[in-house]
Amino acid sequence: MTPYSRPPAAKPCEPMEKGTHSPRALQLEAPLSNYLVIQVLPLDNESIRISTLCHNPLRPIENLMVPNYNTSRCTMSHQPSDDGILYVCGCMDEQECNDKLIFENHTNGDSAWHPQKPLWSKEVIPVAAISLLPPLLVAVMITVIFYLCRTQKRRKRAKAWGGKQGRPPALPEPGKASEREEKLSVLMDESPAGPGPGPGCSHPAELLPIELDEMVGKGQFAEVWRAKLSHSRSGHYETVAVKIFPCEEYSSWKNESQIFTDSSLRHDSVLQFLTAEDRGAGPRREYWLITAYHSRGNLKDYLSRHVLSWTDLQKMAGSLVSGVAHLHSDYTACGRPKIPIAHRDIKSTNVLVKNEQECVLCDFGIAIRLDPSLTVDDFANSGQVGTARYMAPEVLESRVNLEDLESFKQMDVYSMALVLWEMASRCEVVGEVKNYELPFGSKVQEQPCVDTMRDIVLHGRGRPEIPSSWLVHQGMRFLCDTITECWDHDPEARLTAHCVAERFNLMAQMDCDDILNNNMDNEASKTTS
C-alpha cells in the first residue's frame, strides 16, 4: 500500500472549491450525501481527474459498487472500466478521511498508474527550463560584453604603447652641453602625464642604442641594470640605469612611467628620468625605464659604509626632505600649479646617493597622484601598501582616511622620519657611532611582516631609540625633535614635509650664525691681545 497526499479534502457533505491545479487538472464536484467517495480517471494528456462527492454506498457509481467503504481510511482499489483505469475508494467515520489516499500496488502492466511517480514530473521540466531561460540569456550577454570590453582595452593598449609614437630623439646643439653633456639626446616629454598611455608618455620613434652592462639591483617588480647609452655624434657613451619590468608587470611600469613623465615632477632631489620603452614581443616582451645612473648606490648601502659629518648629514637629509616636500607640493619651484604626489614607499633603499651631500628619491612604482577630482572609490585599494618596516600606524591598522588626501602625505612623513633616524644614527656628532642598522633592527627580522610591526608600532607604540648622547649637540637635538614630531602616532599631529624643509633651512642658518659669531669672537680676542 502506498500513501499519497493530495490537496486538502473537504469535510464530508460540505461544499468544496472547484478549480484547476497546474500542472495536473483537479476537478472537484459538489457533495451529495454523508459518505465520501473518490474516483480517479486518467485524461488524454496524462493528467488525472479527481472527483470527490458524497454518495450513498448502497447505490452504484459508474456502474460499480463502492467496495470497503466502512472504514476511516480511503484505500483506492482498481476497478475495471470501459473508460480506462479507474480507482475508487470510500471512507467514513472521520472528518476529512479522504485527506490521504492509499493505493494498492498494481502489477498488471503499463496501463496501471503508479502513484510513486510524481504526477507533474513530465510537465515541470519544460516549465522549469522556460523559467531559467531568461536569466541564462542575461548571464551569457553579460559574459560576452565583458569579454568584448576586455579585448577592446587590450587592443587599445597594444596600439598606444606598441606604436611608439612620439618625437625622434634630438641631439643637443654644439655649445649647449654643460654638466649633463648629451643626456638630453634622449626624449624628455614636456607634457604632463595623462590618465593612460599615449600623449602623456611619449616614446622615441626608434629604440635608444643601449647596451646592458651589469645588474645592480633587483626588486619585487623589476631589475635594475647599469647600461651604456651610445651617442652617435660624439662616438662616446654615458652610463645610465635601466629598470626592466617583465611583461606581467606592465601595470607597475605604466604607473611609474606616468609619474615620471609629468614634467612638474622634475627636481634636483628626484631621480632624473630619460625615457620609457617597450622591447621585444610575446612572452619575451619587456618594459624599460631609463634614468640617470648614480654609482654610489642607495642610501642604505652608503650608510653601512660611511660615517657622516654634521654638515654632510644636514645636506643629505635636507635634500631628501626637499624632494618629499616637492612631491607633496601643489606648486613647482617656479610657482606653476602641479598635482601633489604621494610616494607611499619611502625607505633608505629607495633613496639614491647623488654625491656626498645630495640624495634623490627613486622607485615610484606604487606612487599615486593626489588629484582632487578623484573620489574615494578611486583610492579604495590605496590603504595598506608599502614596506612593513616603514608603515605608519594608521597603515598597519588599515584605518587610512581615504577622504582626506593629506592622509597619504602624512604616511610619507612617518616613513621619512625613519630614514632621517637612519642617517642621524651614522653621524659623528652623536658620540660613539655604532654599526649601521635599519629602524627597529634589534627587535625584528630583516623582513618583518605586517603583524610583527603592528604589535611593535601600533600596540606597543614603539619607535627607534634616540639615546641621550645624541642630544648633546644642539643641531642634532633640534633634528631629533623634528624626527619625533614626524613619527607621531597621531597623523594629524605630524609635521608636514614643507615644515620640515623650513626647519632644515633654519638649522643651516643657525650653523651660519654660529660660524659668524665664532669668527667675531676670534677677531675680538685678537684685538684685545
Protein backbone atom coordinates (compact mmCIF):
# COMPACT_ATOMS: atom_id res chain seq x y z
CA MET A 1 0.00 0.00 0.00
CA THR A 2 1.31 3.42 -0.87
CA PRO A 3 0.06 6.62 0.77
CA TYR A 4 -0.50 9.60 -1.49
CA SER A 5 -1.12 13.11 -0.17
CA ARG A 6 -3.31 15.32 -2.25
CA PRO A 7 -4.75 18.82 -1.78
CA PRO A 8 -6.71 19.17 1.49
CA ALA A 9 -10.05 17.40 1.26
CA ALA A 10 -13.35 18.93 2.19
CA LYS A 11 -15.32 17.85 5.17
CA PRO A 12 -17.91 15.22 4.20
CA CYS A 13 -21.03 16.61 2.54
CA GLU A 14 -19.87 20.25 2.67
CA PRO A 15 -19.41 22.32 -0.47
CA MET A 16 -15.92 22.05 -1.95
CA GLU A 17 -13.99 24.53 -4.05
CA LYS A 18 -13.81 23.91 -7.74
CA GLY A 19 -10.58 24.75 -9.52
CA THR A 20 -7.75 23.61 -11.71
CA HIS A 21 -4.33 22.95 -10.21
CA SER A 22 -1.43 23.14 -12.70
CA PRO A 23 0.29 21.09 -13.94
CA ARG A 24 -2.42 18.46 -13.27
CA ALA A 25 -6.11 19.07 -13.69
CA LEU A 26 -8.02 18.71 -10.44
CA GLN A 27 -11.81 18.92 -10.70
CA LEU A 28 -13.95 18.97 -7.56
CA GLU A 29 -17.67 18.37 -7.63
CA ALA A 30 -20.29 19.37 -5.08
CA PRO A 31 -21.09 16.90 -2.27
CA LEU A 32 -24.33 14.95 -2.19
CA SER A 33 -24.59 12.79 0.98
CA ASN A 34 -22.73 11.69 4.11
CA TYR A 35 -20.49 9.07 2.57
CA LEU A 36 -17.25 10.11 0.94
CA VAL A 37 -16.23 8.63 -2.38
CA ILE A 38 -13.21 9.44 -4.59
CA GLN A 39 -12.68 8.36 -8.16
CA VAL A 40 -9.54 8.92 -10.23
CA LEU A 41 -9.64 8.97 -14.04
CA PRO A 42 -6.63 9.50 -16.40
CA LEU A 43 -7.07 12.08 -19.13
CA ASP A 44 -5.57 12.24 -22.62
CA ASN A 45 -2.67 14.49 -21.53
CA GLU A 46 -1.76 12.01 -18.80
CA SER A 47 -3.14 14.26 -16.08
CA ILE A 48 -5.79 12.91 -13.75
CA ARG A 49 -9.23 13.98 -12.69
CA ILE A 50 -10.08 13.55 -9.08
CA SER A 51 -13.78 13.74 -8.35
CA THR A 52 -14.89 14.00 -4.75
CA LEU A 53 -18.54 13.60 -3.93
CA CYS A 54 -20.87 12.42 -1.20
CA HIS A 55 -22.55 9.23 -2.28
CA ASN A 56 -24.81 6.54 -0.87
CA PRO A 57 -22.65 3.41 -0.90
CA LEU A 58 -25.68 1.24 -1.39
CA ARG A 59 -26.11 2.64 -4.86
CA PRO A 60 -23.76 2.04 -7.80
CA ILE A 61 -21.42 4.69 -9.17
CA GLU A 62 -20.06 4.41 -12.71
CA ASN A 63 -21.97 1.09 -12.81
CA LEU A 64 -19.80 -0.10 -9.91
CA MET A 65 -20.46 -0.66 -6.24
CA VAL A 66 -18.12 1.06 -3.80
CA PRO A 67 -16.02 -1.60 -2.04
CA ASN A 68 -14.70 -1.46 1.52
CA TYR A 69 -16.31 1.82 2.46
CA ASN A 70 -16.96 1.03 6.12
CA THR A 71 -13.52 2.30 7.21
CA SER A 72 -11.76 5.51 8.23
CA ARG A 73 -9.04 5.11 5.58
CA CYS A 74 -9.55 5.91 1.93
CA THR A 75 -7.99 2.90 0.21
CA MET A 76 -8.03 3.23 -3.57
CA SER A 77 -8.90 0.00 -5.32
CA HIS A 78 -8.55 -0.70 -9.02
CA GLN A 79 -11.80 -1.31 -10.81
CA PRO A 80 -12.40 -2.40 -14.41
CA SER A 81 -13.84 0.34 -16.57
CA ASP A 82 -14.53 0.97 -20.25
CA ASP A 83 -13.12 4.48 -19.92
CA GLY A 84 -9.66 3.37 -18.83
CA ILE A 85 -8.04 2.96 -15.45
CA LEU A 86 -10.38 3.69 -12.56
CA TYR A 87 -9.57 3.85 -8.89
CA VAL A 88 -12.37 4.14 -6.31
CA CYS A 89 -12.32 4.43 -2.57
CA GLY A 90 -14.84 5.17 0.11
CA CYS A 91 -14.48 6.11 3.74
CA MET A 92 -16.48 7.31 6.71
CA ASP A 93 -16.33 7.66 10.48
CA GLU A 94 -13.86 10.60 10.45
CA GLN A 95 -13.94 14.07 9.01
CA GLU A 96 -11.63 14.58 6.05
CA CYS A 97 -10.91 10.86 5.95
CA ASN A 98 -10.03 11.33 2.28
CA ASP A 99 -7.18 13.70 3.10
CA LYS A 100 -4.71 10.87 2.43
CA LEU A 101 -5.23 8.48 -0.48
CA ILE A 102 -3.82 4.96 -0.19
CA PHE A 103 -3.19 2.99 -3.34
CA GLU A 104 -2.91 -0.74 -3.69
CA ASN A 105 0.13 -1.92 -5.64
CA HIS A 106 -0.81 -2.86 -9.19
CA THR A 107 1.25 -5.13 -11.40
CA ASN A 108 -0.96 -5.79 -14.39
CA GLY A 109 1.23 -3.95 -16.87
CA ASP A 110 2.00 -0.48 -18.04
CA SER A 111 -1.68 0.51 -18.08
CA ALA A 112 -1.65 0.75 -14.33
CA TRP A 113 -0.91 4.13 -12.77
CA HIS A 114 1.74 4.11 -10.03
CA PRO A 115 1.37 6.93 -7.54
CA GLN A 116 5.07 6.68 -6.57
CA LYS A 117 5.85 8.57 -9.77
CA PRO A 118 5.30 12.34 -9.40
CA LEU A 119 2.13 13.39 -11.20
CA TRP A 120 3.84 16.52 -12.56
CA SER A 121 7.33 15.18 -13.44
CA LYS A 122 6.84 15.24 -17.20
CA GLU A 123 5.48 18.78 -17.29
CA VAL A 124 7.61 20.53 -14.67
CA ILE A 125 10.83 20.05 -16.68
CA PRO A 126 9.80 22.21 -19.66
CA VAL A 127 8.26 24.78 -17.32
CA ALA A 128 11.47 24.98 -15.30
CA ALA A 129 13.53 25.21 -18.48
CA ILE A 130 11.42 28.09 -19.78
CA SER A 131 11.70 29.86 -16.40
CA LEU A 132 15.50 29.58 -16.34
CA LEU A 133 15.97 30.66 -19.93
CA PRO A 134 15.80 34.50 -19.38
CA PRO A 135 18.43 34.65 -16.57
CA LEU A 136 20.63 32.29 -18.55
CA LEU A 137 20.47 34.56 -21.59
CA VAL A 138 21.25 37.60 -19.42
CA ALA A 139 24.30 35.84 -17.95
CA VAL A 140 25.55 34.94 -21.43
CA MET A 141 25.09 38.53 -22.62
CA ILE A 142 26.98 39.93 -19.64
CA THR A 143 29.84 37.48 -20.22
CA VAL A 144 30.06 38.38 -23.90
CA ILE A 145 30.01 42.13 -23.16
CA PHE A 146 32.72 41.76 -20.51
CA TYR A 147 34.89 39.76 -22.90
CA LEU A 148 34.47 42.31 -25.69
CA CYS A 149 35.36 45.19 -23.33
CA ARG A 150 38.50 43.44 -22.14
CA THR A 151 39.52 42.63 -25.69
CA GLN A 152 38.96 46.22 -26.80
CA LYS A 153 41.04 47.59 -23.92
CA ARG A 154 43.90 45.25 -24.76
CA ARG A 155 43.80 46.33 -28.40
CA LYS A 156 43.87 50.00 -27.44
CA ARG A 157 46.75 49.42 -25.03
CA ALA A 158 48.74 47.49 -27.59
CA LYS A 159 48.11 50.16 -30.21
CA ALA A 160 49.04 53.04 -27.88
CA TRP A 161 52.18 51.51 -26.42
CA GLY A 162 53.24 49.35 -29.33
CA GLY A 163 53.11 52.15 -31.87
CA LYS A 164 55.96 54.05 -30.21
CA GLN A 165 54.51 57.34 -31.31
CA GLY A 166 56.49 60.38 -30.34
CA ARG A 167 59.23 62.69 -31.38
CA PRO A 168 62.54 61.31 -32.60
CA PRO A 169 65.41 61.83 -30.17
CA ALA A 170 67.08 65.20 -30.68
CA LEU A 171 70.77 65.61 -30.01
CA PRO A 172 71.94 68.82 -28.32
CA GLU A 173 73.33 71.66 -30.34
CA PRO A 174 77.06 72.31 -30.00
CA GLY A 175 77.96 74.50 -27.08
CA LYS A 176 74.83 73.75 -25.06
CA ALA A 177 76.14 70.64 -23.35
CA SER A 178 77.27 71.50 -19.88
CA GLU A 179 77.10 69.37 -16.76
CA ARG A 180 74.70 66.89 -18.32
CA GLU A 181 76.53 66.83 -21.65
CA GLU A 182 74.45 64.81 -24.10
CA LYS A 183 71.82 63.48 -21.68
CA LEU A 184 69.17 65.48 -23.43
CA SER A 185 69.71 63.38 -26.52
CA VAL A 186 67.00 61.10 -25.17
CA LEU A 187 63.37 62.06 -25.24
CA MET A 188 62.20 64.24 -22.35
CA ASP A 189 58.47 64.70 -22.60
CA GLU A 190 57.32 68.16 -21.65
CA SER A 191 53.60 67.45 -21.26
CA PRO A 192 52.02 66.27 -18.00
CA ALA A 193 51.13 62.63 -17.71
CA GLY A 194 47.68 61.81 -18.90
CA PRO A 195 45.28 59.25 -17.49
CA GLY A 196 46.66 56.47 -19.66
CA PRO A 197 49.45 55.66 -22.04
CA GLY A 198 49.60 57.86 -25.06
CA PRO A 199 50.24 61.59 -25.26
CA GLY A 200 51.36 61.80 -21.63
CA CYS A 201 54.03 59.16 -22.09
CA SER A 202 55.87 59.72 -25.34
CA HIS A 203 58.48 57.33 -26.60
CA PRO A 204 61.24 57.65 -29.15
CA ALA A 205 60.38 56.64 -32.68
CA GLU A 206 63.37 54.29 -32.50
CA LEU A 207 64.80 52.42 -29.57
CA LEU A 208 67.81 54.05 -27.97
CA PRO A 209 71.19 52.43 -28.60
CA ILE A 210 71.62 50.94 -25.14
CA GLU A 211 73.92 48.10 -24.12
CA LEU A 212 73.21 46.42 -20.78
CA ASP A 213 76.31 46.09 -18.64
CA GLU A 214 75.58 44.67 -15.18
CA MET A 215 72.57 44.10 -12.94
CA VAL A 216 72.94 46.33 -9.87
CA GLY A 217 69.63 45.71 -8.11
CA LYS A 218 66.52 43.57 -8.04
CA GLY A 219 63.16 44.43 -6.53
CA GLN A 220 59.71 42.92 -6.29
CA PHE A 221 58.62 44.11 -9.72
CA ALA A 222 61.77 44.77 -11.73
CA GLU A 223 65.52 44.51 -12.13
CA VAL A 224 67.89 47.49 -12.32
CA TRP A 225 70.84 47.36 -14.72
CA ARG A 226 73.79 49.60 -15.32
CA ALA A 227 73.95 50.26 -19.06
CA LYS A 228 75.76 52.26 -21.74
CA LEU A 229 73.93 54.78 -23.90
CA SER A 230 75.84 55.48 -27.09
CA HIS A 231 75.90 58.91 -28.74
CA SER A 232 76.23 58.72 -32.48
CA ARG A 233 77.64 62.23 -32.99
CA SER A 234 80.43 62.18 -30.46
CA GLY A 235 81.09 58.44 -30.51
CA HIS A 236 81.09 58.44 -26.72
CA TYR A 237 78.64 56.83 -24.33
CA GLU A 238 77.17 57.74 -20.99
CA THR A 239 76.27 55.40 -18.16
CA VAL A 240 72.55 55.15 -17.45
CA ALA A 241 70.31 52.98 -15.30
CA VAL A 242 67.71 50.73 -16.92
CA LYS A 243 64.83 49.41 -14.85
CA ILE A 244 63.45 46.33 -16.64
CA PHE A 245 59.92 45.09 -15.95
CA PRO A 246 58.75 41.67 -17.23
CA CYS A 247 55.61 41.63 -19.36
CA GLU A 248 53.41 40.56 -16.43
CA GLU A 249 54.39 43.73 -14.52
CA TYR A 250 53.09 46.06 -17.22
CA SER A 251 50.80 47.91 -14.78
CA SER A 252 53.72 48.76 -12.46
CA TRP A 253 55.79 50.06 -15.38
CA LYS A 254 52.83 52.04 -16.69
CA ASN A 255 52.19 53.69 -13.31
CA GLU A 256 55.82 54.64 -12.75
CA SER A 257 56.28 55.93 -16.30
CA GLN A 258 53.16 58.09 -15.94
CA ILE A 259 54.52 59.56 -12.71
CA PHE A 260 57.94 60.21 -14.25
CA THR A 261 56.65 61.78 -17.46
CA ASP A 262 54.84 64.50 -15.52
CA SER A 263 57.16 67.43 -16.20
CA SER A 264 56.24 69.03 -12.87
CA LEU A 265 57.94 66.12 -11.08
CA ARG A 266 61.40 67.25 -12.14
CA HIS A 267 63.51 68.34 -9.21
CA ASP A 268 67.12 68.12 -8.12
CA SER A 269 66.11 65.68 -5.38
CA VAL A 270 64.09 63.40 -7.67
CA LEU A 271 65.76 60.82 -9.91
CA GLN A 272 66.21 62.17 -13.43
CA PHE A 273 64.02 60.32 -15.91
CA LEU A 274 65.16 59.94 -19.52
CA THR A 275 62.56 57.84 -21.34
CA ALA A 276 60.41 54.71 -21.32
CA GLU A 277 60.49 51.91 -23.88
CA ASP A 278 58.81 48.60 -24.58
CA ARG A 279 61.02 46.00 -26.18
CA GLY A 280 60.53 42.55 -27.63
CA ALA A 281 57.29 40.72 -28.33
CA GLY A 282 55.17 37.97 -26.88
CA PRO A 283 56.29 36.37 -23.61
CA ARG A 284 59.77 37.87 -24.07
CA ARG A 285 58.40 41.40 -24.12
CA GLU A 286 59.99 43.76 -21.59
CA TYR A 287 59.24 47.27 -20.44
CA TRP A 288 62.12 49.63 -19.72
CA LEU A 289 62.52 52.81 -17.71
CA ILE A 290 65.77 54.61 -18.48
CA THR A 291 67.06 57.05 -15.84
CA ALA A 292 70.24 58.70 -14.67
CA TYR A 293 72.76 56.38 -13.02
CA HIS A 294 74.28 57.06 -9.56
CA SER A 295 77.31 54.93 -8.82
CA ARG A 296 77.17 55.41 -5.03
CA GLY A 297 74.09 53.24 -4.82
CA ASN A 298 71.22 53.50 -2.39
CA LEU A 299 71.30 55.23 0.97
CA LYS A 300 71.15 52.00 2.97
CA ASP A 301 74.35 50.65 1.42
CA TYR A 302 76.04 54.04 1.60
CA LEU A 303 75.33 54.47 5.34
CA SER A 304 76.61 50.98 6.09
CA ARG A 305 80.00 52.02 4.64
CA HIS A 306 80.27 55.71 5.65
CA VAL A 307 80.06 57.87 8.77
CA LEU A 308 78.59 61.33 8.13
CA SER A 309 79.82 64.64 9.36
CA TRP A 310 77.25 67.08 10.70
CA THR A 311 77.49 69.13 7.50
CA ASP A 312 77.05 66.04 5.32
CA LEU A 313 74.05 64.96 7.40
CA GLN A 314 72.46 68.37 7.06
CA LYS A 315 72.94 68.47 3.32
CA MET A 316 71.90 64.89 2.57
CA ALA A 317 68.92 64.88 4.90
CA GLY A 318 67.93 68.33 3.66
CA SER A 319 67.94 67.15 0.05
CA LEU A 320 65.73 64.17 0.98
CA VAL A 321 63.26 66.40 2.79
CA SER A 322 63.31 68.85 -0.12
CA GLY A 323 62.42 66.06 -2.54
CA VAL A 324 59.47 64.86 -0.41
CA ALA A 325 58.25 68.42 0.02
CA HIS A 326 58.35 68.87 -3.75
CA LEU A 327 56.27 65.72 -4.28
CA HIS A 328 53.67 66.90 -1.78
CA SER A 329 53.53 70.47 -3.04
CA ASP A 330 50.69 71.97 -5.08
CA TYR A 331 53.17 74.16 -6.96
CA THR A 332 56.54 73.79 -8.62
CA ALA A 333 59.53 75.84 -7.52
CA CYS A 334 58.68 78.44 -10.17
CA GLY A 335 55.07 78.72 -8.98
CA ARG A 336 53.38 76.61 -11.65
CA PRO A 337 50.41 74.53 -10.33
CA LYS A 338 51.01 70.79 -10.10
CA ILE A 339 49.22 67.69 -8.82
CA PRO A 340 50.70 66.51 -5.48
CA ILE A 341 52.19 63.02 -5.43
CA ALA A 342 52.42 60.55 -2.55
CA HIS A 343 55.40 58.21 -2.80
CA ARG A 344 53.99 55.57 -0.39
CA ASP A 345 57.22 53.57 -0.16
CA ILE A 346 59.88 55.91 1.24
CA LYS A 347 62.77 53.90 2.67
CA SER A 348 66.55 54.00 2.57
CA THR A 349 66.73 51.57 -0.37
CA ASN A 350 64.50 53.90 -2.42
CA VAL A 351 66.85 56.85 -1.87
CA LEU A 352 69.93 57.10 -4.10
CA VAL A 353 73.09 58.95 -3.12
CA LYS A 354 73.82 61.50 -5.82
CA ASN A 355 77.02 62.77 -4.22
CA GLU A 356 78.47 63.24 -0.74
CA GLN A 357 75.87 65.86 0.13
CA GLU A 358 72.83 65.10 -2.05
CA CYS A 359 70.20 62.39 -2.32
CA VAL A 360 67.44 61.70 -4.83
CA LEU A 361 64.14 59.86 -4.47
CA CYS A 362 63.51 56.90 -6.77
CA ASP A 363 61.13 53.97 -7.33
CA PHE A 364 57.68 55.45 -7.92
CA GLY A 365 56.08 52.08 -8.69
CA ILE A 366 53.23 52.49 -6.18
CA ALA A 367 53.15 56.30 -6.06
CA ILE A 368 49.80 57.99 -6.64
CA ARG A 369 48.77 61.38 -7.90
CA LEU A 370 46.61 63.15 -5.32
CA ASP A 371 44.21 64.60 -7.85
CA PRO A 372 41.36 66.44 -6.06
CA SER A 373 38.97 65.34 -8.81
CA LEU A 374 39.36 61.69 -7.80
CA THR A 375 36.82 60.08 -5.48
CA VAL A 376 37.15 57.75 -2.51
CA ASP A 377 36.40 54.81 -4.81
CA ASP A 378 39.47 55.69 -6.87
CA PHE A 379 41.60 55.30 -3.73
CA ALA A 380 39.75 52.19 -2.50
CA ASN A 381 42.83 49.93 -2.85
CA SER A 382 45.34 52.52 -1.67
CA GLY A 383 45.40 51.70 2.03
CA GLN A 384 47.90 49.10 3.21
CA VAL A 385 50.75 49.33 0.70
CA GLY A 386 54.48 49.82 1.05
CA THR A 387 57.16 48.12 3.14
CA ALA A 388 56.01 46.82 6.53
CA ARG A 389 59.04 48.16 8.44
CA TYR A 390 58.29 51.71 7.29
CA MET A 391 54.48 51.62 7.51
CA ALA A 392 52.77 54.28 9.61
CA PRO A 393 50.49 53.15 12.48
CA GLU A 394 47.30 54.00 10.59
CA VAL A 395 48.51 51.95 7.62
CA LEU A 396 49.29 48.95 9.83
CA GLU A 397 45.81 49.30 11.30
CA SER A 398 44.20 49.69 7.84
CA ARG A 399 42.47 52.85 9.01
CA VAL A 400 43.70 55.39 6.48
CA ASN A 401 41.25 58.24 5.93
CA LEU A 402 40.80 57.99 2.17
CA GLU A 403 38.53 61.03 2.12
CA ASP A 404 41.43 63.30 3.12
CA LEU A 405 44.29 63.43 0.61
CA GLU A 406 46.57 64.78 3.35
CA SER A 407 46.47 61.27 4.87
CA PHE A 408 48.74 59.97 2.11
CA LYS A 409 51.24 62.77 2.75
CA GLN A 410 51.21 62.02 6.48
CA MET A 411 52.10 58.40 5.73
CA ASP A 412 55.11 59.60 3.72
CA VAL A 413 56.25 61.90 6.54
CA TYR A 414 56.27 59.00 9.02
CA SER A 415 58.40 56.88 6.67
CA MET A 416 60.70 59.83 6.00
CA ALA A 417 61.26 60.23 9.75
CA LEU A 418 62.59 56.67 9.96
CA VAL A 419 65.05 57.36 7.13
CA LEU A 420 66.20 60.56 8.86
CA TRP A 421 66.80 58.48 12.00
CA GLU A 422 68.96 56.09 9.98
CA MET A 423 71.05 58.99 8.74
CA ALA A 424 71.33 60.54 12.21
CA SER A 425 72.50 57.23 13.70
CA ARG A 426 75.58 57.37 11.45
CA CYS A 427 76.58 60.96 12.21
CA GLU A 428 79.79 61.55 14.10
CA VAL A 429 78.30 64.20 16.44
CA VAL A 430 76.23 61.57 18.32
CA GLY A 431 79.35 60.35 20.10
CA GLU A 432 80.09 56.67 19.63
CA VAL A 433 78.83 55.76 16.18
CA LYS A 434 77.52 52.20 16.18
CA ASN A 435 77.29 49.87 13.22
CA TYR A 436 74.52 50.73 10.82
CA GLU A 437 71.16 49.12 11.41
CA LEU A 438 67.68 49.57 9.99
CA PRO A 439 64.87 51.06 12.11
CA PHE A 440 63.70 48.52 14.73
CA GLY A 441 66.69 46.44 13.62
CA SER A 442 67.27 44.81 17.01
CA LYS A 443 63.59 43.99 17.52
CA VAL A 444 62.53 42.42 14.25
CA GLN A 445 63.85 40.19 11.48
CA GLU A 446 65.36 41.52 8.28
CA GLN A 447 61.98 41.47 6.52
CA PRO A 448 59.32 41.75 9.24
CA CYS A 449 55.69 41.05 8.43
CA VAL A 450 52.79 43.42 8.97
CA ASP A 451 51.60 41.58 12.10
CA THR A 452 55.01 41.94 13.76
CA MET A 453 55.22 45.65 13.01
CA ARG A 454 51.62 46.11 14.15
CA ASP A 455 52.49 44.69 17.58
CA ILE A 456 55.54 46.96 17.94
CA VAL A 457 54.39 50.23 16.36
CA LEU A 458 50.64 50.19 16.85
CA HIS A 459 50.07 48.32 20.10
CA GLY A 460 53.43 48.91 21.78
CA ARG A 461 53.84 52.48 20.44
CA GLY A 462 57.47 51.58 19.75
CA ARG A 463 59.86 53.80 17.82
CA PRO A 464 63.62 53.61 17.10
CA GLU A 465 65.71 54.61 20.10
CA ILE A 466 67.18 58.13 20.40
CA PRO A 467 69.96 57.92 23.04
CA SER A 468 70.63 60.87 25.31
CA SER A 469 74.13 61.21 23.83
CA TRP A 470 72.52 62.36 20.58
CA LEU A 471 71.01 65.38 22.33
CA VAL A 472 74.29 66.92 23.44
CA HIS A 473 74.83 68.56 20.06
CA GLN A 474 72.46 71.49 19.61
CA GLY A 475 71.76 70.85 15.95
CA MET A 476 71.26 67.11 16.49
CA ARG A 477 68.85 67.81 19.34
CA PHE A 478 66.85 70.06 17.02
CA LEU A 479 66.86 67.32 14.36
CA CYS A 480 65.77 64.64 16.86
CA ASP A 481 62.85 66.84 17.98
CA THR A 482 61.83 67.16 14.35
CA ILE A 483 62.06 63.40 13.80
CA THR A 484 59.94 62.74 16.90
CA GLU A 485 57.23 65.08 15.66
CA CYS A 486 57.28 63.43 12.25
CA TRP A 487 56.64 59.91 13.54
CA ASP A 488 53.90 60.93 15.98
CA HIS A 489 51.22 58.27 16.47
CA ASP A 490 48.52 60.77 15.53
CA PRO A 491 48.75 61.54 11.80
CA GLU A 492 47.22 64.99 12.30
CA ALA A 493 49.96 65.91 14.78
CA ARG A 494 52.83 65.19 12.40
CA LEU A 495 54.76 67.95 10.72
CA THR A 496 54.29 68.46 7.00
CA ALA A 497 57.22 67.94 4.65
CA HIS A 498 57.25 71.68 3.94
CA CYS A 499 57.55 72.44 7.64
CA VAL A 500 60.43 70.00 7.98
CA ALA A 501 62.15 71.64 4.99
CA GLU A 502 61.81 75.03 6.70
CA ARG A 503 63.38 73.61 9.85
CA PHE A 504 66.36 72.36 7.87
CA ASN A 505 66.77 75.84 6.42
CA LEU A 506 66.64 77.17 9.97
CA MET A 507 69.31 74.67 11.09
CA ALA A 508 71.55 75.79 8.25
CA GLN A 509 71.01 79.41 9.28
CA MET A 510 71.83 78.55 12.90
CA ASP A 511 75.13 76.99 11.81
CA CYS A 512 75.97 80.07 9.74
CA ASP A 513 75.26 82.30 12.74
CA ASP A 514 77.44 80.13 14.96
CA ILE A 515 80.31 80.33 12.47
CA LEU A 516 79.86 84.10 12.18
CA ASN A 517 79.78 84.53 15.98
CA ASN A 518 82.89 82.38 16.40
CA ASN A 519 84.77 84.47 13.80
CA MET A 520 83.72 87.69 15.53
CA ASP A 521 84.85 86.32 18.91
CA ASN A 522 88.22 85.32 17.46
CA GLU A 523 88.74 88.77 15.94
CA ALA A 524 87.78 90.44 19.22
CA SER A 525 90.23 88.33 21.19
CA LYS A 526 93.00 89.16 18.72
CA THR A 527 92.26 92.89 19.01
CA THR A 528 92.31 92.73 22.82
CA SER A 529 95.64 90.94 22.87
